[in-house]
Protein backbone atom coordinates (compact mmCIF):
# COMPACT_ATOMS: atom_id res chain seq x y z
CA UNK A 1 153.01 12.55 176.55
CA UNK A 2 153.57 15.47 174.19
CA UNK A 3 149.86 16.12 173.71
CA UNK A 4 149.74 18.39 176.69
CA UNK A 5 147.79 21.59 176.43
CA UNK A 6 150.32 24.41 176.48
CA UNK A 7 150.21 26.86 179.29
CA UNK A 8 147.93 29.69 178.23
CA UNK A 9 150.63 32.25 178.87
CA UNK A 10 152.20 31.22 175.56
CA UNK A 11 152.64 34.70 174.31
CA UNK A 12 151.66 34.36 170.69
CA UNK A 13 148.22 32.92 171.57
CA UNK A 14 147.34 36.11 173.44
CA UNK A 15 149.31 38.70 171.46
CA UNK A 16 148.17 37.59 167.99
CA UNK A 17 144.41 38.16 168.61
CA UNK A 18 145.23 41.58 170.13
CA UNK A 19 147.38 42.55 167.17
CA UNK A 20 144.72 41.28 164.78
CA UNK A 21 142.12 43.44 166.53
CA UNK A 22 144.43 46.46 166.18
CA UNK A 23 144.93 45.67 162.49
CA UNK A 24 141.18 45.39 162.00
CA UNK A 25 140.55 48.78 163.67
CA UNK A 26 143.30 50.39 161.57
CA UNK A 27 142.17 49.06 158.19
CA UNK A 28 138.37 48.83 158.41
CA UNK A 29 136.69 50.70 155.55
CA UNK A 30 140.00 51.79 153.97
CA UNK A 31 141.74 51.09 150.70
CA UNK A 32 144.85 49.00 151.30
CA UNK A 33 148.28 49.21 149.69
CA UNK A 34 150.26 46.14 148.76
CA UNK A 35 152.21 46.18 152.02
CA UNK A 36 149.08 46.62 154.06
CA UNK A 37 147.43 43.70 152.28
CA UNK A 38 150.35 41.45 153.22
CA UNK A 39 150.20 42.61 156.81
CA UNK A 40 146.42 42.07 157.06
CA UNK A 41 146.76 38.64 155.47
CA UNK A 42 149.44 37.70 158.03
CA UNK A 43 147.20 38.93 160.84
CA UNK A 44 144.29 36.91 159.39
CA UNK A 45 146.37 33.71 159.31
CA UNK A 46 147.60 34.33 162.85
CA UNK A 47 144.02 34.94 164.07
CA UNK A 48 142.93 31.61 162.50
CA UNK A 49 145.76 29.71 164.21
CA UNK A 50 145.06 31.40 167.54
CA UNK A 51 141.31 30.75 167.29
CA UNK A 52 141.85 27.02 166.72
CA UNK A 53 144.39 26.89 169.56
CA UNK A 54 142.00 28.46 172.06
CA UNK A 55 139.13 26.30 170.83
CA UNK A 56 141.27 23.26 171.59
CA UNK A 57 141.93 24.54 175.11
CA UNK A 58 138.22 25.05 175.75
CA UNK A 59 137.37 21.71 174.16
CA UNK A 60 139.87 19.91 176.44
CA UNK A 61 138.41 21.62 179.45
CA UNK A 62 134.74 20.76 178.79
CA UNK A 63 135.52 17.19 177.63
CA UNK A 64 133.68 14.99 175.18
CA UNK A 65 131.34 15.03 173.39
CA UNK A 66 131.07 18.79 173.80
CA UNK A 67 134.77 19.33 173.22
CA UNK A 68 134.62 18.09 169.64
CA UNK A 69 131.66 20.32 169.00
CA UNK A 70 133.47 23.38 170.38
CA UNK A 71 136.42 22.87 168.04
CA UNK A 72 134.27 21.98 165.01
CA UNK A 73 131.95 24.98 165.53
CA UNK A 74 134.93 27.35 165.88
CA UNK A 75 136.52 26.12 162.65
CA UNK A 76 133.17 26.24 160.88
CA UNK A 77 132.56 29.82 161.98
CA UNK A 78 135.91 30.71 160.39
CA UNK A 79 135.07 28.91 157.16
CA UNK A 80 131.50 30.27 156.88
CA UNK A 81 132.68 33.76 157.67
CA UNK A 82 135.20 33.71 154.87
CA UNK A 83 132.66 32.18 152.42
CA UNK A 84 129.80 34.55 153.24
CA UNK A 85 132.08 37.58 153.19
CA UNK A 86 133.38 36.76 149.71
CA UNK A 87 129.86 35.85 148.47
CA UNK A 88 128.53 39.24 149.59
CA UNK A 89 131.31 41.13 147.82
CA UNK A 90 131.36 38.87 144.75
CA UNK A 91 127.65 38.79 143.94
CA UNK A 92 126.56 36.30 141.27
CA UNK A 93 130.25 35.59 140.45
CA UNK A 94 130.56 33.94 143.88
CA UNK A 95 127.58 31.63 143.42
CA UNK A 96 129.83 28.54 143.42
CA UNK A 97 132.21 29.69 146.21
CA UNK A 98 130.64 27.54 148.93
CA UNK A 99 130.81 24.45 146.67
CA UNK A 100 134.41 25.14 145.67
CA UNK A 101 135.48 25.70 149.30
CA UNK A 102 133.78 22.59 150.69
CA UNK A 103 135.00 20.42 147.85
CA UNK A 104 138.53 21.79 148.32
CA UNK A 105 138.32 20.96 152.03
CA UNK A 106 137.34 17.36 151.20
CA UNK A 107 140.21 16.97 148.78
CA UNK A 108 142.72 18.55 151.10
CA UNK A 109 141.68 16.42 154.11
CA UNK A 110 140.95 13.07 152.42
CA UNK A 111 144.03 13.23 150.13
CA UNK A 112 146.42 15.88 151.35
CA UNK A 113 146.31 15.47 155.15
CA UNK A 114 145.38 11.78 154.83
CA UNK A 115 148.28 10.98 152.46
CA UNK A 116 150.81 13.08 154.37
CA UNK A 117 149.90 11.39 157.66
CA UNK A 118 150.30 7.89 156.13
CA UNK A 119 153.56 8.95 154.50
CA UNK A 120 155.04 10.26 157.76
CA UNK A 121 153.81 7.23 159.72
CA UNK A 122 155.21 4.80 157.18
CA UNK A 123 158.54 6.55 157.06
CA UNK A 124 158.92 6.08 160.83
CA UNK A 125 157.85 2.42 161.13
CA UNK A 126 157.68 1.18 157.54
CA UNK A 127 153.97 0.50 158.02
CA UNK A 128 151.39 2.98 159.32
CA UNK A 129 148.87 1.22 161.57
CA UNK A 130 145.38 2.48 162.42
CA UNK A 131 141.95 1.32 163.43
CA UNK A 132 140.04 0.24 160.33
CA UNK A 133 136.64 0.21 162.04
CA UNK A 134 136.64 3.82 163.19
CA UNK A 135 138.43 5.17 160.13
CA UNK A 136 136.09 3.27 157.80
CA UNK A 137 133.06 4.65 159.56
CA UNK A 138 134.42 8.18 159.30
CA UNK A 139 135.19 7.73 155.58
CA UNK A 140 131.70 6.34 154.92
CA UNK A 141 130.15 9.39 156.62
CA UNK A 142 132.29 11.79 154.59
CA UNK A 143 131.37 10.00 151.36
CA UNK A 144 127.64 10.18 152.20
CA UNK A 145 127.78 13.86 153.18
CA UNK A 146 129.73 14.79 150.06
CA UNK A 147 127.34 12.90 147.75
CA UNK A 148 124.20 14.37 149.35
CA UNK A 149 125.45 17.97 149.32
CA UNK A 150 127.80 18.21 146.32
CA UNK A 151 126.82 15.49 143.79
CA UNK A 152 123.02 15.36 143.88
CA UNK A 153 122.51 19.05 142.95
CA UNK A 154 124.02 18.34 139.56
CA UNK A 155 121.31 15.82 138.80
CA UNK A 156 118.16 17.18 140.45
CA UNK A 157 115.61 18.74 138.15
CA UNK A 158 113.50 20.94 140.40
CA UNK A 159 115.89 23.89 139.87
CA UNK A 160 117.78 24.78 136.71
CA UNK A 161 121.53 24.44 136.91
CA UNK A 162 123.58 22.69 139.57
CA UNK A 163 121.39 24.04 142.37
CA UNK A 164 119.01 22.69 144.97
CA UNK A 165 115.48 23.95 145.32
CA UNK A 166 114.66 25.57 148.66
CA UNK A 167 113.14 22.34 149.95
CA UNK A 168 116.02 20.19 148.72
CA UNK A 169 118.56 22.58 150.28
CA UNK A 170 116.70 22.37 153.61
CA UNK A 171 116.68 18.55 153.45
CA UNK A 172 120.42 18.43 152.64
CA UNK A 173 121.17 20.82 155.48
CA UNK A 174 119.18 18.86 158.06
CA UNK A 175 120.52 15.51 156.82
CA UNK A 176 124.11 16.80 156.98
CA UNK A 177 123.68 18.16 160.48
CA UNK A 178 122.02 14.99 161.69
CA UNK A 179 124.72 12.72 160.21
CA UNK A 180 127.45 14.86 161.73
CA UNK A 181 125.79 14.82 165.12
CA UNK A 182 125.33 11.04 164.93
CA UNK A 183 128.99 10.56 164.12
CA UNK A 184 130.10 12.74 167.02
CA UNK A 185 127.92 10.71 169.36
CA UNK A 186 129.30 7.38 168.08
CA UNK A 187 132.91 8.62 168.21
CA UNK A 188 132.72 10.09 171.72
CA UNK A 189 130.03 8.10 173.56
CA UNK A 190 129.09 4.79 171.98
CA UNK A 191 132.27 3.50 170.39
CA UNK A 192 135.21 5.68 171.36
CA UNK A 193 137.69 2.76 171.27
CA UNK A 194 137.30 2.58 167.53
CA UNK A 195 138.97 5.96 167.24
CA UNK A 196 141.94 5.45 169.59
CA UNK A 197 145.53 5.02 168.37
CA UNK A 198 146.66 1.48 167.56
CA UNK A 199 150.15 0.16 168.25
CA UNK A 200 152.00 -2.11 165.90
CA UNK A 201 150.84 -5.21 167.85
CA UNK A 202 147.19 -4.21 167.38
CA UNK A 203 146.73 -2.91 170.97
CA UNK A 204 144.49 0.16 171.31
CA UNK A 205 146.00 2.91 173.44
CA UNK A 206 144.54 6.05 174.95
CA UNK A 207 147.31 8.57 175.35
CA UNK A 208 144.92 11.37 176.30
CA UNK A 209 143.57 9.60 179.33
CA UNK A 210 146.04 11.11 181.77
CA UNK A 211 146.64 14.42 180.02
CA UNK A 212 146.37 17.44 182.27
CA UNK A 213 143.17 19.43 181.87
CA UNK A 214 143.42 23.24 181.72
CA UNK A 215 142.33 25.19 184.76
CA UNK A 216 139.01 27.05 184.81
CA UNK A 217 140.89 30.32 184.64
CA UNK A 218 142.85 29.23 181.61
CA UNK A 219 139.70 27.96 179.92
CA UNK A 220 137.85 31.21 180.52
CA UNK A 221 140.76 33.26 179.18
CA UNK A 222 140.86 31.03 176.11
CA UNK A 223 137.10 31.48 175.65
CA UNK A 224 137.58 35.26 175.66
CA UNK A 225 140.53 35.07 173.27
CA UNK A 226 138.55 32.66 171.03
CA UNK A 227 135.77 35.27 170.75
CA UNK A 228 138.30 38.03 169.92
CA UNK A 229 140.07 35.87 167.35
CA UNK A 230 136.79 34.89 165.60
CA UNK A 231 135.66 38.50 165.42
CA UNK A 232 139.04 39.43 163.92
CA UNK A 233 138.83 36.61 161.37
CA UNK A 234 135.44 37.76 160.18
CA UNK A 235 136.47 41.42 160.04
CA UNK A 236 139.87 40.89 158.42
CA UNK A 237 138.31 38.57 155.82
CA UNK A 238 135.99 41.41 154.86
CA UNK A 239 138.93 43.83 154.64
CA UNK A 240 141.18 41.61 152.54
CA UNK A 241 138.57 39.84 150.36
CA UNK A 242 138.72 42.33 147.42
CA UNK A 243 142.51 41.87 147.29
CA UNK A 244 142.22 38.08 147.26
CA UNK A 245 139.76 38.16 144.37
CA UNK A 246 141.86 40.66 142.46
CA UNK A 247 145.04 38.61 142.98
CA UNK A 248 143.34 35.44 141.70
CA UNK A 249 142.02 37.30 138.63
CA UNK A 250 145.36 38.95 137.90
CA UNK A 251 147.11 35.58 138.10
CA UNK A 252 144.78 34.24 135.43
CA UNK A 253 143.36 31.59 137.79
CA UNK A 254 139.72 30.47 137.66
CA UNK A 255 137.37 31.80 140.37
CA UNK A 256 137.32 28.32 142.03
CA UNK A 257 140.88 29.00 143.16
CA UNK A 258 139.47 31.38 145.79
CA UNK A 259 137.75 28.41 147.44
CA UNK A 260 141.03 26.51 147.46
CA UNK A 261 142.76 29.41 149.19
CA UNK A 262 140.00 29.59 151.84
CA UNK A 263 140.17 25.85 152.49
CA UNK A 264 143.97 25.84 152.76
CA UNK A 265 143.84 28.69 155.23
CA UNK A 266 141.11 27.12 157.43
CA UNK A 267 142.76 23.68 157.43
CA UNK A 268 146.29 24.85 158.13
CA UNK A 269 146.11 24.18 161.88
CA UNK A 270 144.61 20.73 161.39
CA UNK A 271 147.39 19.86 158.92
CA UNK A 272 150.14 20.85 161.35
CA UNK A 273 148.43 18.91 164.16
CA UNK A 274 148.03 15.81 161.98
CA UNK A 275 151.66 15.78 160.97
CA UNK A 276 152.76 16.17 164.61
CA UNK A 277 150.59 13.25 165.61
CA UNK A 278 151.95 11.04 162.80
CA UNK A 279 155.50 11.86 163.85
CA UNK A 280 154.59 10.53 167.32
CA UNK A 281 153.37 7.24 165.71
CA UNK A 282 149.73 8.22 166.40
CA UNK A 283 148.46 7.85 162.83
CA UNK A 284 144.95 7.23 164.06
CA UNK A 285 144.80 10.70 165.60
CA UNK A 286 146.00 12.13 162.30
CA UNK A 287 143.29 10.33 160.34
CA UNK A 288 140.68 11.41 162.94
CA UNK A 289 141.71 14.99 162.37
CA UNK A 290 141.64 14.66 158.57
CA UNK A 291 138.25 12.92 158.25
CA UNK A 292 136.76 14.91 161.19
CA UNK A 293 137.66 18.14 159.43
CA UNK A 294 136.13 16.92 156.17
CA UNK A 295 132.96 15.97 158.04
CA UNK A 296 132.66 19.31 159.85
CA UNK A 297 133.34 21.18 156.60
CA UNK A 298 130.33 19.59 155.01
CA UNK A 299 128.10 18.72 157.94
CA UNK A 300 128.26 22.15 159.54
CA UNK A 301 129.13 24.50 156.69
CA UNK A 302 126.33 23.42 154.36
CA UNK A 303 123.58 24.01 157.01
CA UNK A 304 125.17 27.37 157.92
CA UNK A 305 125.28 28.45 154.29
CA UNK A 306 121.71 27.21 153.82
CA UNK A 307 120.57 29.54 156.63
CA UNK A 308 122.70 32.41 155.25
CA UNK A 309 120.92 32.16 151.89
CA UNK A 310 117.87 33.64 153.59
CA UNK A 311 119.71 36.96 153.58
CA UNK A 312 122.05 36.48 150.61
CA UNK A 313 120.92 37.42 147.15
CA UNK A 314 121.83 35.40 144.08
CA UNK A 315 122.06 31.70 143.27
CA UNK A 316 123.83 29.03 145.28
CA UNK A 317 125.53 26.48 143.05
CA UNK A 318 126.41 23.33 144.99
CA UNK A 319 126.63 20.68 142.26
CA UNK A 320 130.09 19.50 141.16
CA UNK A 321 131.27 19.40 137.57
CA UNK A 322 132.35 16.24 135.79
CA UNK A 323 136.05 16.57 136.60
CA UNK A 324 135.35 17.24 140.26
CA UNK A 325 133.00 14.23 140.50
CA UNK A 326 135.66 12.00 138.96
CA UNK A 327 138.18 13.17 141.57
CA UNK A 328 135.66 12.69 144.38
CA UNK A 329 134.73 9.17 143.26
CA UNK A 330 138.40 8.18 142.85
CA UNK A 331 139.13 9.57 146.30
CA UNK A 332 136.39 7.47 147.90
CA UNK A 333 137.45 4.26 146.09
CA UNK A 334 141.10 4.73 146.94
CA UNK A 335 140.21 5.67 150.52
CA UNK A 336 138.22 2.49 150.99
CA UNK A 337 141.06 0.37 149.63
CA UNK A 338 143.50 2.16 151.93
CA UNK A 339 141.38 1.87 155.08
CA UNK A 340 140.16 -1.72 154.89
CA UNK A 341 143.47 -3.45 155.79
CA UNK A 342 144.08 -1.18 158.82
CA UNK A 343 147.67 -0.66 157.74
CA UNK A 344 149.35 1.32 154.97
CA UNK A 345 152.79 1.69 153.37
CA UNK A 346 154.51 4.53 151.57
CA UNK A 347 152.60 3.54 148.42
CA UNK A 348 149.17 4.35 149.84
CA UNK A 349 150.40 7.68 151.17
CA UNK A 350 151.92 8.47 147.78
CA UNK A 351 148.69 7.59 145.94
CA UNK A 352 146.62 9.94 148.08
CA UNK A 353 149.20 12.73 147.63
CA UNK A 354 149.14 12.13 143.88
CA UNK A 355 145.36 12.64 143.91
CA UNK A 356 145.78 15.83 145.98
CA UNK A 357 148.36 17.09 143.45
CA UNK A 358 145.97 16.35 140.60
CA UNK A 359 143.27 18.37 142.39
CA UNK A 360 145.54 21.34 142.93
CA UNK A 361 146.77 21.27 139.33
CA UNK A 362 143.28 20.99 137.87
CA UNK A 363 141.99 23.76 140.18
CA UNK A 364 144.61 26.08 138.69
CA UNK A 365 144.32 24.75 135.15
CA UNK A 366 140.86 23.30 134.59
C-alpha cells in the first residue's frame, strides 16, 4: 500500500530542521526586514511539516496506543508554543487567542478537512463510505469537549466575562484530558475495528496491518530531528510573532484572525494527509485525522494552556461569542446528520465546506 513510512533519508525531513535551526540562530533577538520575515515564516512552516513527519515515524515505530499519543503531543506542543508565544508578546490583547485558535481548529477540522475528505471520496466513487460507529463516537467526543471548554465559560457566573474561575478551569482541563485519554484507549485498544476503513460492500479493512515498521535507527534519528524541529518551531514563532500581529492589524483584520492563522499552520500536515487518504478511497482514515486533530486541539491544548496560566499574566477568555456558538451548533448538527448513514455524497461535502467558508468569512469580517 501507499501508506508506507518513507525512508528517513528523504532529504527535506533532515535538511529543513537544520536550516530552521540556522535561521533561528541568525534571527534571534534581531529586528527583521520584510524579506527576512518571509524567510523565517517559510522556515517555520517547514519545521512544522518536518516535526509532524518525524512524529509519525516515531509513532509508527512504537505502535498503538502510544503512537497516537506521540503524534498528538507533538502537534499540541506546536500549537501551545505558538499560542503562548503570542500571548506573552500580546499581553491583555491576546486574552482570547487560545479560544480563537482552538475554535478555529474545530471549524477547520470538522468542516474544512471533513468536507474536503467527503468531497474527494465522493468524486472518486460517487458515494464516500465510512464507519458510522467510530466516526459518530469521535464526533460526540469533539462536541462534548468543545461545549465544556468553549461554550460554558460564556454562561458561568463565578468570574466576570467569558472566563472560567481557577477551579472551573482546572475541572475543564482535567475533564478534557480524561475524555481524550478515554477516546484514545477506545480507538486503539477496546474497539479499533470501528475506526478502520470500510469498502463499498461494508467490509472493514486494515491496510496498515502489513505496513513496514521503521528500524530502530530510523526511529531514533526521527526522535532527534523531532526535538530539533520542535525547538525551532517555538523559537521561530517567538521571532516572527510581532510581524504576524502587525500584518493582521495592517490588513484591518480582527485580532481573532491570528488564531485562524495559527490553526491553519498547525493543521496543514493533517489536511494534506487526509486528502491523500481520501484519494486512496480511505475516507475513514481522513475522518479519523480530522476528528482526531479536533480532539487533540481541545483535549490537550486546553490543559496545557491551563497550566501555562500559572506563569502568564492577564485574563484567559475561553467563552465563545454568539456568532461562534451558532457556527459550532450548526457544525455539530450537520455533522451528526452526515455521520449517521455511514455514507455521504457530494452534497454533504459541499455543506461542510460551505460552513467552513462562512467561518473564514466571518473571522475576517465579523
